[in-house]
């Protein structure tokens, strides 16, 4: 229940401060516009890193569980784990490369 209260509080803070964040500056010219591509790229990399870390943690936990249940399948489990970790990490690296291509 406390987690939901903190989530609600965070949402309320975001909703209250969002109008000030998107308000136009006094100049109103092109120099007052922030670089939204860089901001979006930062959020995209954070989401990709968080998703990759969660996926790697789950894959490692399940591989350890599989090894504990069947030690005879160690080679197959290790191969599947390493292949899965490489594919998960490559998705974050692809996001990183796309960010470098899009942000000037």
Protein backbone atom coordinates (compact mmCIF):
# COMPACT_ATOMS: atom_id res chain seq x y z
CA UNK A 1 0.00 0.00 0.00
CA UNK A 2 2.86 2.34 0.79
CA UNK A 3 4.33 1.80 -2.67
CA UNK A 4 1.07 2.95 -4.26
CA UNK A 5 1.03 6.03 -2.05
CA UNK A 6 4.55 6.93 -3.17
CA UNK A 7 3.60 6.32 -6.79
CA UNK A 8 0.54 8.56 -6.41
CA UNK A 9 2.66 11.26 -4.78
CA UNK A 10 5.20 11.11 -7.62
CA UNK A 11 2.42 11.34 -10.21
CA UNK A 12 0.94 14.35 -8.43
CA UNK A 13 4.32 16.11 -8.36
CA UNK A 14 4.79 15.46 -12.08
CA UNK A 15 1.31 16.75 -12.89
CA UNK A 16 1.81 19.88 -10.79
CA UNK A 17 5.21 20.79 -12.21
CA UNK A 18 4.63 19.79 -15.85
CA UNK A 19 3.00 23.11 -16.89
CA UNK A 20 6.02 25.04 -15.61
CA UNK A 21 8.41 22.73 -17.42
CA UNK A 22 6.63 23.19 -20.75
CA UNK A 23 5.99 26.91 -20.41
CA UNK A 24 7.51 29.12 -23.06
CA UNK A 25 10.44 31.28 -22.06
CA UNK A 26 10.40 35.07 -22.08
CA UNK A 27 12.24 35.35 -25.39
CA UNK A 28 9.92 33.02 -27.27
CA UNK A 29 12.50 32.58 -30.00
CA UNK A 30 14.11 29.46 -31.40
CA UNK A 31 16.98 29.70 -28.92
CA UNK A 32 14.54 29.07 -26.05
CA UNK A 33 13.52 25.66 -27.41
CA UNK A 34 15.31 22.80 -25.63
CA UNK A 35 16.80 19.88 -27.53
CA UNK A 36 13.91 17.41 -27.22
CA UNK A 37 15.71 14.76 -29.23
CA UNK A 38 18.53 14.60 -26.69
CA UNK A 39 16.04 14.46 -23.82
CA UNK A 40 14.05 11.68 -25.48
CA UNK A 41 17.26 9.81 -26.27
CA UNK A 42 18.27 9.96 -22.63
CA UNK A 43 14.93 8.56 -21.53
CA UNK A 44 15.10 5.90 -24.24
CA UNK A 45 18.54 4.75 -23.12
CA UNK A 46 17.41 4.66 -19.50
CA UNK A 47 14.41 2.51 -20.38
CA UNK A 48 16.52 0.20 -22.57
CA UNK A 49 19.14 -0.18 -19.83
CA UNK A 50 16.54 -0.86 -17.15
CA UNK A 51 14.75 -3.41 -19.32
CA UNK A 52 18.00 -5.12 -20.21
CA UNK A 53 19.10 -5.28 -16.59
CA UNK A 54 15.80 -6.77 -15.49
CA UNK A 55 15.92 -9.31 -18.33
CA UNK A 56 19.49 -10.30 -17.51
CA UNK A 57 18.64 -10.72 -13.85
CA UNK A 58 15.66 -12.93 -14.62
CA UNK A 59 17.66 -15.01 -17.12
CA UNK A 60 20.50 -15.53 -14.65
CA UNK A 61 18.12 -16.46 -11.85
CA UNK A 62 16.36 -19.03 -14.00
CA UNK A 63 19.67 -20.46 -15.23
CA UNK A 64 20.84 -20.91 -11.63
CA UNK A 65 17.53 -22.57 -10.80
CA UNK A 66 17.89 -24.88 -13.79
CA UNK A 67 21.44 -25.81 -12.78
CA UNK A 68 20.29 -26.57 -9.26
CA UNK A 69 17.54 -28.85 -10.54
CA UNK A 70 19.58 -30.61 -13.23
CA UNK A 71 23.37 -30.33 -12.87
CA UNK A 72 23.84 -32.75 -15.78
CA UNK A 73 22.54 -30.18 -18.26
CA UNK A 74 25.19 -27.64 -17.32
CA UNK A 75 26.63 -27.21 -20.81
CA UNK A 76 23.27 -26.67 -22.49
CA UNK A 77 22.08 -24.28 -19.80
CA UNK A 78 25.33 -22.30 -19.90
CA UNK A 79 25.15 -22.00 -23.71
CA UNK A 80 21.52 -20.86 -23.60
CA UNK A 81 22.30 -18.38 -20.81
CA UNK A 82 25.26 -16.81 -22.59
CA UNK A 83 23.35 -16.59 -25.87
CA UNK A 84 20.39 -14.99 -24.11
CA UNK A 85 22.59 -12.49 -22.26
CA UNK A 86 24.32 -11.52 -25.49
CA UNK A 87 21.00 -10.91 -27.23
CA UNK A 88 19.63 -8.91 -24.29
CA UNK A 89 22.76 -6.75 -24.11
CA UNK A 90 22.78 -6.20 -27.86
CA UNK A 91 19.34 -4.57 -27.67
CA UNK A 92 20.69 -1.95 -25.25
CA UNK A 93 23.73 -1.42 -27.49
CA UNK A 94 21.49 -0.97 -30.54
CA UNK A 95 19.57 1.70 -28.62
CA UNK A 96 22.87 3.37 -27.74
CA UNK A 97 23.96 3.34 -31.40
CA UNK A 98 20.63 4.78 -32.57
CA UNK A 99 20.96 7.58 -30.02
CA UNK A 100 24.35 8.50 -31.46
CA UNK A 101 22.90 8.51 -34.96
CA UNK A 102 19.90 10.68 -34.04
CA UNK A 103 21.45 13.19 -31.61
CA UNK A 104 23.66 15.70 -33.34
